[in-house]
Amino acid sequence: MKYAIIKMGSKQYQVQEGKTVFVDLLSAEPNKDITFSEVILYVDGVDNVKVGTPLVEGAKVIGQAGEMVKGKKLTVGKFRRREGYRRTYGHRQKYTPVKITQIIG
C-alpha cells in the first residue's frame, strides 16, 4: 500500500493515490493540478519507508482540485446567568476536495 503524509499550513494529511482528501480552502481553480512538496513521510510497501528530517527529499504529491464545498454547520452559543444575555451564531467551514493522482517518492 502506497501512501504519504503531507503538510499544508499547520495541518497534516494522510493521502493515497486515487483517494479524495478535503483540505482547507485553497485558491486553486477546479480541475487544475496542485503539487504538494512538503512530504513528511513516504511509504511504498513494507520495506520502503522514508521518514523526512523534516521533509523527504525529492518527494511530492500531485492532486487535482475540485469545487469548493461547505462542511456541517456548527452552532455556538454564549450565555451569562441572571443577565438576560444569550447569543448564538453559526459557522460553516469551507473545504477544497483534492483527488490525489500521483505520489512520487
PDB file of N, CA and C in Angstrom:
ATOM      1  N   MET A   1       0.843  -1.174   0.000  1.00  0.00           N
ATOM      2  CA  MET A   1       0.000   0.000   0.000  1.00  0.00           C
ATOM      3  C   MET A   1       0.893   1.243   0.000  1.00  0.00           C
ATOM      4  N   LYS A   2       0.665   2.099  -0.959  1.00  0.00           N
ATOM      5  CA  LYS A   2       1.483   3.294  -1.130  1.00  0.00           C
ATOM      6  C   LYS A   2       0.717   4.494  -0.590  1.00  0.00           C
ATOM      7  N   TYR A   3       1.333   5.209   0.360  1.00  0.00           N
ATOM      8  CA  TYR A   3       0.711   6.411   0.890  1.00  0.00           C
ATOM      9  C   TYR A   3       1.779   7.394   1.353  1.00  0.00           C
ATOM     10  N   ALA A   4       1.338   8.611   1.656  1.00  0.00           N
ATOM     11  CA  ALA A   4       2.258   9.646   2.123  1.00  0.00           C
ATOM     12  C   ALA A   4       1.529  10.522   3.124  1.00  0.00           C
ATOM     13  N   ILE A   5       2.292  11.218   3.928  1.00  0.00           N
ATOM     14  CA  ILE A   5       1.743  12.220   4.837  1.00  0.00           C
ATOM     15  C   ILE A   5       2.318  13.562   4.397  1.00  0.00           C
ATOM     16  N   ILE A   6       1.413  14.496   4.080  1.00  0.00           N
ATOM     17  CA  ILE A   6       1.829  15.810   3.596  1.00  0.00           C
ATOM     18  C   ILE A   6       1.458  16.864   4.626  1.00  0.00           C
ATOM     19  N   LYS A   7       2.148  17.996   4.541  1.00  0.00           N
ATOM     20  CA  LYS A   7       1.897  19.113   5.443  1.00  0.00           C
ATOM     21  C   LYS A   7       1.350  20.271   4.623  1.00  0.00           C
ATOM     22  N   MET A   8       0.229  20.827   5.075  1.00  0.00           N
ATOM     23  CA  MET A   8      -0.380  22.006   4.446  1.00  0.00           C
ATOM     24  C   MET A   8      -0.722  22.989   5.542  1.00  0.00           C
ATOM     25  N   GLY A   9      -0.018  24.093   5.574  1.00  0.00           N
ATOM     26  CA  GLY A   9      -0.262  25.064   6.640  1.00  0.00           C
ATOM     27  C   GLY A   9       0.142  24.469   7.971  1.00  0.00           C
ATOM     28  N   SER A  10      -0.791  24.431   8.920  1.00  0.00           N
ATOM     29  CA  SER A  10      -0.487  23.873  10.236  1.00  0.00           C
ATOM     30  C   SER A  10      -1.074  22.476  10.400  1.00  0.00           C
ATOM     31  N   LYS A  11      -1.604  21.885   9.323  1.00  0.00           N
ATOM     32  CA  LYS A  11      -2.235  20.574   9.402  1.00  0.00           C
ATOM     33  C   LYS A  11      -1.469  19.549   8.572  1.00  0.00           C
ATOM     34  N   GLN A  12      -1.657  18.282   8.923  1.00  0.00           N
ATOM     35  CA  GLN A  12      -1.043  17.182   8.203  1.00  0.00           C
ATOM     36  C   GLN A  12      -2.140  16.243   7.717  1.00  0.00           C
ATOM     37  N   TYR A  13      -1.970  15.707   6.509  1.00  0.00           N
ATOM     38  CA  TYR A  13      -2.967  14.840   5.899  1.00  0.00           C
ATOM     39  C   TYR A  13      -2.309  13.570   5.397  1.00  0.00           C
ATOM     40  N   GLN A  14      -2.971  12.423   5.605  1.00  0.00           N
ATOM     41  CA  GLN A  14      -2.514  11.168   5.029  1.00  0.00           C
ATOM     42  C   GLN A  14      -3.232  10.985   3.699  1.00  0.00           C
ATOM     43  N   VAL A  15      -2.479  10.763   2.629  1.00  0.00           N
ATOM     44  CA  VAL A  15      -3.055  10.680   1.288  1.00  0.00           C
ATOM     45  C   VAL A  15      -2.637   9.372   0.609  1.00  0.00           C
ATOM     46  N   GLN A  16      -3.541   8.870  -0.252  1.00  0.00           N
ATOM     47  CA  GLN A  16      -3.279   7.696  -1.073  1.00  0.00           C
ATOM     48  C   GLN A  16      -3.681   8.022  -2.500  1.00  0.00           C
ATOM     49  N   GLU A  17      -3.075   7.331  -3.451  1.00  0.00           N
ATOM     50  CA  GLU A  17      -3.428   7.542  -4.852  1.00  0.00           C
ATOM     51  C   GLU A  17      -4.864   7.092  -5.094  1.00  0.00           C
ATOM     52  N   GLY A  18      -5.611   7.926  -5.828  1.00  0.00           N
ATOM     53  CA  GLY A  18      -6.994   7.600  -6.148  1.00  0.00           C
ATOM     54  C   GLY A  18      -8.003   8.038  -5.111  1.00  0.00           C
ATOM     55  N   LYS A  19      -7.572   8.432  -3.929  1.00  0.00           N
ATOM     56  CA  LYS A  19      -8.479   8.867  -2.861  1.00  0.00           C
ATOM     57  C   LYS A  19      -8.657  10.378  -2.916  1.00  0.00           C
ATOM     58  N   THR A  20      -9.733  10.857  -2.299  1.00  0.00           N
ATOM     59  CA  THR A  20     -10.009  12.289  -2.224  1.00  0.00           C
ATOM     60  C   THR A  20      -9.854  12.735  -0.777  1.00  0.00           C
ATOM     61  N   VAL A  21      -9.142  13.832  -0.582  1.00  0.00           N
ATOM     62  CA  VAL A  21      -8.943  14.390   0.750  1.00  0.00           C
ATOM     63  C   VAL A  21      -9.498  15.818   0.748  1.00  0.00           C
ATOM     64  N   PHE A  22     -10.183  16.191   1.829  1.00  0.00           N
ATOM     65  CA  PHE A  22     -10.762  17.522   1.957  1.00  0.00           C
ATOM     66  C   PHE A  22      -9.812  18.386   2.776  1.00  0.00           C
ATOM     67  N   VAL A  23      -9.213  19.387   2.119  1.00  0.00           N
ATOM     68  CA  VAL A  23      -8.268  20.281   2.774  1.00  0.00           C
ATOM     69  C   VAL A  23      -8.930  21.646   2.957  1.00  0.00           C
ATOM     70  N   ASP A  24      -8.336  22.495   3.781  1.00  0.00           N
ATOM     71  CA  ASP A  24      -8.855  23.846   3.956  1.00  0.00           C
ATOM     72  C   ASP A  24      -8.880  24.562   2.615  1.00  0.00           C
ATOM     73  N   LEU A  25      -9.730  25.551   2.509  1.00  0.00           N
ATOM     74  CA  LEU A  25      -9.989  26.237   1.245  1.00  0.00           C
ATOM     75  C   LEU A  25      -8.696  26.728   0.585  1.00  0.00           C
ATOM     76  N   LEU A  26      -8.522  26.348  -0.697  1.00  0.00           N
ATOM     77  CA  LEU A  26      -7.377  26.776  -1.494  1.00  0.00           C
ATOM     78  C   LEU A  26      -7.849  27.732  -2.571  1.00  0.00           C
ATOM     79  N   SER A  27      -6.951  28.539  -3.080  1.00  0.00           N
ATOM     80  CA  SER A  27      -7.304  29.487  -4.131  1.00  0.00           C
ATOM     81  C   SER A  27      -7.117  28.888  -5.524  1.00  0.00           C
ATOM     82  N   ALA A  28      -7.035  27.564  -5.622  1.00  0.00           N
ATOM     83  CA  ALA A  28      -6.831  26.896  -6.908  1.00  0.00           C
ATOM     84  C   ALA A  28      -8.154  26.787  -7.667  1.00  0.00           C
ATOM     85  N   GLU A  29      -8.064  26.862  -8.982  1.00  0.00           N
ATOM     86  CA  GLU A  29      -9.238  26.700  -9.815  1.00  0.00           C
ATOM     87  C   GLU A  29      -9.605  25.214  -9.899  1.00  0.00           C
ATOM     88  N   PRO A  30     -10.893  24.905 -10.080  1.00  0.00           N
ATOM     89  CA  PRO A  30     -11.291  23.498 -10.197  1.00  0.00           C
ATOM     90  C   PRO A  30     -10.656  22.828 -11.414  1.00  0.00           C
ATOM     91  N   ASN A  31     -10.380  21.545 -11.283  1.00  0.00           N
ATOM     92  CA  ASN A  31      -9.775  20.697 -12.320  1.00  0.00           C
ATOM     93  C   ASN A  31      -8.353  21.111 -12.688  1.00  0.00           C
ATOM     94  N   LYS A  32      -7.684  21.866 -11.837  1.00  0.00           N
ATOM     95  CA  LYS A  32      -6.278  22.216 -12.043  1.00  0.00           C
ATOM     96  C   LYS A  32      -5.420  21.341 -11.133  1.00  0.00           C
ATOM     97  N   ASP A  33      -4.211  21.034 -11.591  1.00  0.00           N
ATOM     98  CA  ASP A  33      -3.298  20.221 -10.799  1.00  0.00           C
ATOM     99  C   ASP A  33      -2.638  21.056  -9.707  1.00  0.00           C
ATOM    100  N   ILE A  34      -2.485  20.436  -8.549  1.00  0.00           N
ATOM    101  CA  ILE A  34      -1.821  21.062  -7.403  1.00  0.00           C
ATOM    102  C   ILE A  34      -0.678  20.144  -7.003  1.00  0.00           C
ATOM    103  N   THR A  35       0.487  20.720  -6.709  1.00  0.00           N
ATOM    104  CA  THR A  35       1.639  19.938  -6.271  1.00  0.00           C
ATOM    105  C   THR A  35       1.944  20.271  -4.815  1.00  0.00           C
ATOM    106  N   PHE A  36       2.004  19.251  -3.994  1.00  0.00           N
ATOM    107  CA  PHE A  36       2.363  19.397  -2.582  1.00  0.00           C
ATOM    108  C   PHE A  36       3.795  18.895  -2.427  1.00  0.00           C
ATOM    109  N   SER A  37       4.712  19.777  -2.091  1.00  0.00           N
ATOM    110  CA  SER A  37       6.118  19.389  -1.995  1.00  0.00           C
ATOM    111  C   SER A  37       6.564  19.141  -0.554  1.00  0.00           C
ATOM    112  N   GLU A  38       5.736  19.467   0.423  1.00  0.00           N
ATOM    113  CA  GLU A  38       6.099  19.235   1.819  1.00  0.00           C
ATOM    114  C   GLU A  38       5.612  17.854   2.249  1.00  0.00           C
ATOM    115  N   VAL A  39       6.405  16.827   1.906  1.00  0.00           N
ATOM    116  CA  VAL A  39       6.079  15.445   2.251  1.00  0.00           C
ATOM    117  C   VAL A  39       6.878  15.065   3.489  1.00  0.00           C
ATOM    118  N   ILE A  40       6.176  14.656   4.535  1.00  0.00           N
ATOM    119  CA  ILE A  40       6.819  14.318   5.801  1.00  0.00           C
ATOM    120  C   ILE A  40       7.182  12.836   5.861  1.00  0.00           C
ATOM    121  N   LEU A  41       6.321  11.987   5.279  1.00  0.00           N
ATOM    122  CA  LEU A  41       6.530  10.542   5.310  1.00  0.00           C
ATOM    123  C   LEU A  41       6.092   9.948   3.983  1.00  0.00           C
ATOM    124  N   TYR A  42       6.874   9.009   3.455  1.00  0.00           N
ATOM    125  CA  TYR A  42       6.538   8.304   2.217  1.00  0.00           C
ATOM    126  C   TYR A  42       6.672   6.817   2.463  1.00  0.00           C
ATOM    127  N   VAL A  43       5.604   6.060   2.181  1.00  0.00           N
ATOM    128  CA  VAL A  43       5.600   4.614   2.396  1.00  0.00           C
ATOM    129  C   VAL A  43       5.193   3.943   1.094  1.00  0.00           C
ATOM    130  N   ASP A  44       6.042   3.008   0.626  1.00  0.00           N
ATOM    131  CA  ASP A  44       5.745   2.224  -0.571  1.00  0.00           C
ATOM    132  C   ASP A  44       5.982   0.760  -0.215  1.00  0.00           C
ATOM    133  N   GLY A  45       4.958   0.113   0.293  1.00  0.00           N
ATOM    134  CA  GLY A  45       5.097  -1.268   0.736  1.00  0.00           C
ATOM    135  C   GLY A  45       5.614  -1.333   2.163  1.00  0.00           C
ATOM    136  N   VAL A  46       6.070  -2.532   2.547  1.00  0.00           N
ATOM    137  CA  VAL A  46       6.524  -2.737   3.921  1.00  0.00           C
ATOM    138  C   VAL A  46       7.978  -2.323   4.101  1.00  0.00           C
ATOM    139  N   ASP A  47       8.810  -2.568   3.093  1.00  0.00           N
ATOM    140  CA  ASP A  47      10.247  -2.350   3.237  1.00  0.00           C
ATOM    141  C   ASP A  47      10.700  -0.938   2.888  1.00  0.00           C
ATOM    142  N   ASN A  48       9.969  -0.253   2.030  1.00  0.00           N
ATOM    143  CA  ASN A  48      10.403   1.064   1.564  1.00  0.00           C
ATOM    144  C   ASN A  48       9.651   2.162   2.315  1.00  0.00           C
ATOM    145  N   VAL A  49      10.250   2.627   3.414  1.00  0.00           N
ATOM    146  CA  VAL A  49       9.664   3.700   4.224  1.00  0.00           C
ATOM    147  C   VAL A  49      10.688   4.819   4.334  1.00  0.00           C
ATOM    148  N   LYS A  50      10.286   6.025   3.932  1.00  0.00           N
ATOM    149  CA  LYS A  50      11.184   7.177   4.034  1.00  0.00           C
ATOM    150  C   LYS A  50      10.565   8.183   4.995  1.00  0.00           C
ATOM    151  N   VAL A  51      11.321   8.500   6.039  1.00  0.00           N
ATOM    152  CA  VAL A  51      10.876   9.478   7.030  1.00  0.00           C
ATOM    153  C   VAL A  51      11.686  10.737   6.831  1.00  0.00           C
ATOM    154  N   GLY A  52      11.022  11.869   6.729  1.00  0.00           N
ATOM    155  CA  GLY A  52      11.704  13.123   6.489  1.00  0.00           C
ATOM    156  C   GLY A  52      12.318  13.707   7.741  1.00  0.00           C
ATOM    157  N   THR A  53      13.381  14.475   7.540  1.00  0.00           N
ATOM    158  CA  THR A  53      14.031  15.178   8.651  1.00  0.00           C
ATOM    159  C   THR A  53      14.251  16.627   8.279  1.00  0.00           C
ATOM    160  N   PRO A  54      13.329  17.503   8.217  1.00  0.00           N
ATOM    161  CA  PRO A  54      11.896  17.339   8.485  1.00  0.00           C
ATOM    162  C   PRO A  54      11.093  16.908   7.264  1.00  0.00           C
ATOM    163  N   LEU A  55      11.642  17.048   6.039  1.00  0.00           N
ATOM    164  CA  LEU A  55      10.902  16.677   4.830  1.00  0.00           C
ATOM    165  C   LEU A  55      11.653  15.610   4.051  1.00  0.00           C
ATOM    166  N   VAL A  56      10.932  14.818   3.266  1.00  0.00           N
ATOM    167  CA  VAL A  56      11.543  13.794   2.424  1.00  0.00           C
ATOM    168  C   VAL A  56      12.062  14.479   1.158  1.00  0.00           C
ATOM    169  N   GLU A  57      13.348  14.275   0.867  1.00  0.00           N
ATOM    170  CA  GLU A  57      13.979  14.903  -0.297  1.00  0.00           C
ATOM    171  C   GLU A  57      13.427  14.321  -1.595  1.00  0.00           C
ATOM    172  N   GLY A  58      13.024  15.189  -2.515  1.00  0.00           N
ATOM    173  CA  GLY A  58      12.582  14.769  -3.834  1.00  0.00           C
ATOM    174  C   GLY A  58      11.187  14.188  -3.909  1.00  0.00           C
ATOM    175  N   ALA A  59      10.489  14.098  -2.800  1.00  0.00           N
ATOM    176  CA  ALA A  59       9.141  13.529  -2.801  1.00  0.00           C
ATOM    177  C   ALA A  59       8.118  14.637  -3.009  1.00  0.00           C
ATOM    178  N   LYS A  60       7.070  14.305  -3.759  1.00  0.00           N
ATOM    179  CA  LYS A  60       5.977  15.249  -3.943  1.00  0.00           C
ATOM    180  C   LYS A  60       4.701  14.493  -4.249  1.00  0.00           C
ATOM    181  N   VAL A  61       3.588  15.164  -4.006  1.00  0.00           N
ATOM    182  CA  VAL A  61       2.264  14.587  -4.231  1.00  0.00           C
ATOM    183  C   VAL A  61       1.530  15.501  -5.198  1.00  0.00           C
ATOM    184  N   ILE A  62       0.931  14.903  -6.222  1.00  0.00           N
ATOM    185  CA  ILE A  62       0.195  15.672  -7.222  1.00  0.00           C
ATOM    186  C   ILE A  62      -1.279  15.317  -7.112  1.00  0.00           C
ATOM    187  N   GLY A  63      -2.118  16.360  -7.050  1.00  0.00           N
ATOM    188  CA  GLY A  63      -3.548  16.154  -6.938  1.00  0.00           C
ATOM    189  C   GLY A  63      -4.306  17.103  -7.835  1.00  0.00           C
ATOM    190  N   GLN A  64      -5.592  16.831  -7.990  1.00  0.00           N
ATOM    191  CA  GLN A  64      -6.440  17.654  -8.837  1.00  0.00           C
ATOM    192  C   GLN A  64      -7.526  18.268  -7.961  1.00  0.00           C
ATOM    193  N   ALA A  65      -7.636  19.605  -8.009  1.00  0.00           N
ATOM    194  CA  ALA A  65      -8.585  20.325  -7.165  1.00  0.00           C
ATOM    195  C   ALA A  65     -10.001  20.180  -7.700  1.00  0.00           C
ATOM    196  N   GLY A  66     -10.961  20.245  -6.786  1.00  0.00           N
ATOM    197  CA  GLY A  66     -12.369  20.199  -7.151  1.00  0.00           C
ATOM    198  C   GLY A  66     -13.070  21.491  -6.746  1.00  0.00           C
ATOM    199  N   GLU A  67     -14.395  21.499  -6.859  1.00  0.00           N
ATOM    200  CA  GLU A  67     -15.191  22.663  -6.463  1.00  0.00           C
ATOM    201  C   GLU A  67     -15.213  22.796  -4.948  1.00  0.00           C
ATOM    202  N   MET A  68     -15.320  24.023  -4.465  1.00  0.00           N
ATOM    203  CA  MET A  68     -15.396  24.292  -3.040  1.00  0.00           C
ATOM    204  C   MET A  68     -16.673  23.692  -2.456  1.00  0.00           C
ATOM    205  N   VAL A  69     -16.565  23.069  -1.279  1.00  0.00           N
ATOM    206  CA  VAL A  69     -17.722  22.531  -0.567  1.00  0.00           C
ATOM    207  C   VAL A  69     -17.728  23.092   0.847  1.00  0.00           C
ATOM    208  N   LYS A  70     -18.907  23.074   1.465  1.00  0.00           N
ATOM    209  CA  LYS A  70     -19.036  23.546   2.838  1.00  0.00           C
ATOM    210  C   LYS A  70     -19.237  22.360   3.762  1.00  0.00           C
ATOM    211  N   GLY A  71     -18.677  22.460   4.955  1.00  0.00           N
ATOM    212  CA  GLY A  71     -18.842  21.418   5.952  1.00  0.00           C
ATOM    213  C   GLY A  71     -20.161  21.565   6.687  1.00  0.00           C
ATOM    214  N   LYS A  72     -20.327  20.774   7.734  1.00  0.00           N
ATOM    215  CA  LYS A  72     -21.540  20.840   8.536  1.00  0.00           C
ATOM    216  C   LYS A  72     -21.590  22.156   9.302  1.00  0.00           C
ATOM    217  N   LYS A  73     -22.803  22.630   9.566  1.00  0.00           N
ATOM    218  CA  LYS A  73     -22.960  23.873  10.306  1.00  0.00           C
ATOM    219  C   LYS A  73     -22.781  23.604  11.790  1.00  0.00           C
ATOM    220  N   LEU A  74     -21.952  24.426  12.423  1.00  0.00           N
ATOM    221  CA  LEU A  74     -21.738  24.353  13.859  1.00  0.00           C
ATOM    222  C   LEU A  74     -22.447  25.534  14.502  1.00  0.00           C
ATOM    223  N   THR A  75     -23.174  25.283  15.576  1.00  0.00           N
ATOM    224  CA  THR A  75     -23.855  26.346  16.301  1.00  0.00           C
ATOM    225  C   THR A  75     -23.119  26.573  17.612  1.00  0.00           C
ATOM    226  N   VAL A  76     -22.763  27.821  17.849  1.00  0.00           N
ATOM    227  CA  VAL A  76     -22.020  28.190  19.043  1.00  0.00           C
ATOM    228  C   VAL A  76     -22.866  29.184  19.819  1.00  0.00           C
ATOM    229  N   GLY A  77     -22.865  29.069  21.135  1.00  0.00           N
ATOM    230  CA  GLY A  77     -23.677  29.976  21.933  1.00  0.00           C
ATOM    231  C   GLY A  77     -22.913  30.514  23.130  1.00  0.00           C
ATOM    232  N   LYS A  78     -23.320  31.712  23.553  1.00  0.00           N
ATOM    233  CA  LYS A  78     -22.787  32.313  24.770  1.00  0.00           C
ATOM    234  C   LYS A  78     -23.961  32.518  25.718  1.00  0.00           C
ATOM    235  N   PHE A  79     -23.699  32.404  27.002  1.00  0.00           N
ATOM    236  CA  PHE A  79     -24.765  32.578  27.985  1.00  0.00           C
ATOM    237  C   PHE A  79     -24.163  33.099  29.275  1.00  0.00           C
ATOM    238  N   ARG A  80     -24.810  34.113  29.839  1.00  0.00           N
ATOM    239  CA  ARG A  80     -24.436  34.605  31.166  1.00  0.00           C
ATOM    240  C   ARG A  80     -25.660  34.536  32.054  1.00  0.00           C
ATOM    241  N   ARG A  81     -25.518  33.923  33.177  1.00  0.00           N
ATOM    242  CA  ARG A  81     -26.672  33.696  34.049  1.00  0.00           C
ATOM    243  C   ARG A  81     -27.187  35.002  34.655  1.00  0.00           C
ATOM    244  N   ARG A  82     -28.467  35.066  34.839  1.00  0.00           N
ATOM    245  CA  ARG A  82     -29.191  36.157  35.519  1.00  0.00           C
ATOM    246  C   ARG A  82     -29.039  37.517  34.855  1.00  0.00           C
ATOM    247  N   GLU A  83     -28.618  37.591  33.629  1.00  0.00           N
ATOM    248  CA  GLU A  83     -28.457  38.892  32.991  1.00  0.00           C
ATOM    249  C   GLU A  83     -29.318  39.038  31.742  1.00  0.00           C
ATOM    250  N   GLY A  84     -30.006  37.989  31.350  1.00  0.00           N
ATOM    251  CA  GLY A  84     -30.787  38.043  30.124  1.00  0.00           C
ATOM    252  C   GLY A  84     -29.908  38.090  28.888  1.00  0.00           C
ATOM    253  N   TYR A  85     -28.683  37.631  29.035  1.00  0.00           N
ATOM    254  CA  TYR A  85     -27.712  37.680  27.935  1.00  0.00           C
ATOM    255  C   TYR A  85     -27.616  36.302  27.301  1.00  0.00           C
ATOM    256  N   ARG A  86     -27.935  36.231  26.025  1.00  0.00           N
ATOM    257  CA  ARG A  86     -27.858  34.963  25.310  1.00  0.00           C
ATOM    258  C   ARG A  86     -27.555  35.264  23.847  1.00  0.00           C
ATOM    259  N   ARG A  87     -26.500  34.673  23.312  1.00  0.00           N
ATOM    260  CA  ARG A  87     -26.114  34.897  21.924  1.00  0.00           C
ATOM    261  C   ARG A  87     -25.865  33.540  21.260  1.00  0.00           C
ATOM    262  N   THR A  88     -26.306  33.380  20.042  1.00  0.00           N
ATOM    263  CA  THR A  88     -25.990  32.192  19.268  1.00  0.00           C
ATOM    264  C   THR A  88     -25.543  32.624  17.878  1.00  0.00           C
ATOM    265  N   TYR A  89     -24.598  31.921  17.350  1.00  0.00           N
ATOM    266  CA  TYR A  89     -24.157  32.160  15.986  1.00  0.00           C
ATOM    267  C   TYR A  89     -23.631  30.850  15.420  1.00  0.00           C
ATOM    268  N   GLY A  90     -23.523  30.783  14.096  1.00  0.00           N
ATOM    269  CA  GLY A  90     -23.108  29.551  13.444  1.00  0.00           C
ATOM    270  C   GLY A  90     -21.869  29.758  12.592  1.00  0.00           C
ATOM    271  N   HIS A  91     -21.315  28.636  12.167  1.00  0.00           N
ATOM    272  CA  HIS A  91     -20.108  28.668  11.334  1.00  0.00           C
ATOM    273  C   HIS A  91     -20.131  27.458  10.416  1.00  0.00           C
ATOM    274  N   ARG A  92     -19.794  27.661   9.137  1.00  0.00           N
ATOM    275  CA  ARG A  92     -19.613  26.563   8.191  1.00  0.00           C
ATOM    276  C   ARG A  92     -18.245  26.695   7.556  1.00  0.00           C
ATOM    277  N   GLN A  93     -17.402  25.701   7.786  1.00  0.00           N
ATOM    278  CA  GLN A  93     -16.050  25.710   7.244  1.00  0.00           C
ATOM    279  C   GLN A  93     -16.094  25.385   5.757  1.00  0.00           C
ATOM    280  N   LYS A  94     -15.252  26.036   4.973  1.00  0.00           N
ATOM    281  CA  LYS A  94     -15.162  25.782   3.536  1.00  0.00           C
ATOM    282  C   LYS A  94     -13.948  24.897   3.259  1.00  0.00           C
ATOM    283  N   TYR A  95     -14.151  23.894   2.400  1.00  0.00           N
ATOM    284  CA  TYR A  95     -13.112  22.944   2.069  1.00  0.00           C
ATOM    285  C   TYR A  95     -12.925  22.857   0.556  1.00  0.00           C
ATOM    286  N   THR A  96     -11.749  22.414   0.143  1.00  0.00           N
ATOM    287  CA  THR A  96     -11.471  22.107  -1.252  1.00  0.00           C
ATOM    288  C   THR A  96     -11.172  20.617  -1.339  1.00  0.00           C
ATOM    289  N   PRO A  97     -11.970  19.853  -2.084  1.00  0.00           N
ATOM    290  CA  PRO A  97     -11.636  18.436  -2.253  1.00  0.00           C
ATOM    291  C   PRO A  97     -10.493  18.289  -3.262  1.00  0.00           C
ATOM    292  N   VAL A  98      -9.500  17.480  -2.901  1.00  0.00           N
ATOM    293  CA  VAL A  98      -8.356  17.250  -3.775  1.00  0.00           C
ATOM    294  C   VAL A  98      -8.250  15.750  -4.029  1.00  0.00           C
ATOM    295  N   LYS A  99      -8.373  15.351  -5.297  1.00  0.00           N
ATOM    296  CA  LYS A  99      -8.222  13.941  -5.662  1.00  0.00           C
ATOM    297  C   LYS A  99      -6.746  13.690  -5.961  1.00  0.00           C
ATOM    298  N   ILE A 100      -6.139  12.790  -5.222  1.00  0.00           N
ATOM    299  CA  ILE A 100      -4.711  12.507  -5.350  1.00  0.00           C
ATOM    300  C   ILE A 100      -4.503  11.630  -6.583  1.00  0.00           C
ATOM    301  N   THR A 101      -3.700  12.118  -7.519  1.00  0.00           N
ATOM    302  CA  THR A 101      -3.456  11.390  -8.756  1.00  0.00           C
ATOM    303  C   THR A 101      -2.121  10.670  -8.771  1.00  0.00           C
ATOM    304  N   GLN A 102      -1.116  11.229  -8.105  1.00  0.00           N
ATOM    305  CA  GLN A 102       0.212  10.602  -8.169  1.00  0.00           C
ATOM    306  C   GLN A 102       1.014  10.933  -6.921  1.00  0.00           C
ATOM    307  N   ILE A 103       1.730   9.944  -6.413  1.00  0.00           N
ATOM    308  CA  ILE A 103       2.668  10.135  -5.304  1.00  0.00           C
ATOM    309  C   ILE A 103       4.049   9.754  -5.817  1.00  0.00           C
ATOM    310  N   ILE A 104       4.965  10.715  -5.791  1.00  0.00           N
ATOM    311  CA  ILE A 104       6.320  10.497  -6.293  1.00  0.00           C
ATOM    312  C   ILE A 104       7.262  10.488  -5.099  1.00  0.00           C
ATOM    313  N   GLY A 105       7.950   9.400  -4.911  1.00  0.00           N
ATOM    314  CA  GLY A 105       8.827   9.276  -3.752  1.00  0.00           C
ATOM    315  C   GLY A 105      10.239   9.281  -4.170  1.00  0.00           C
TER     316      GLY A 105
END
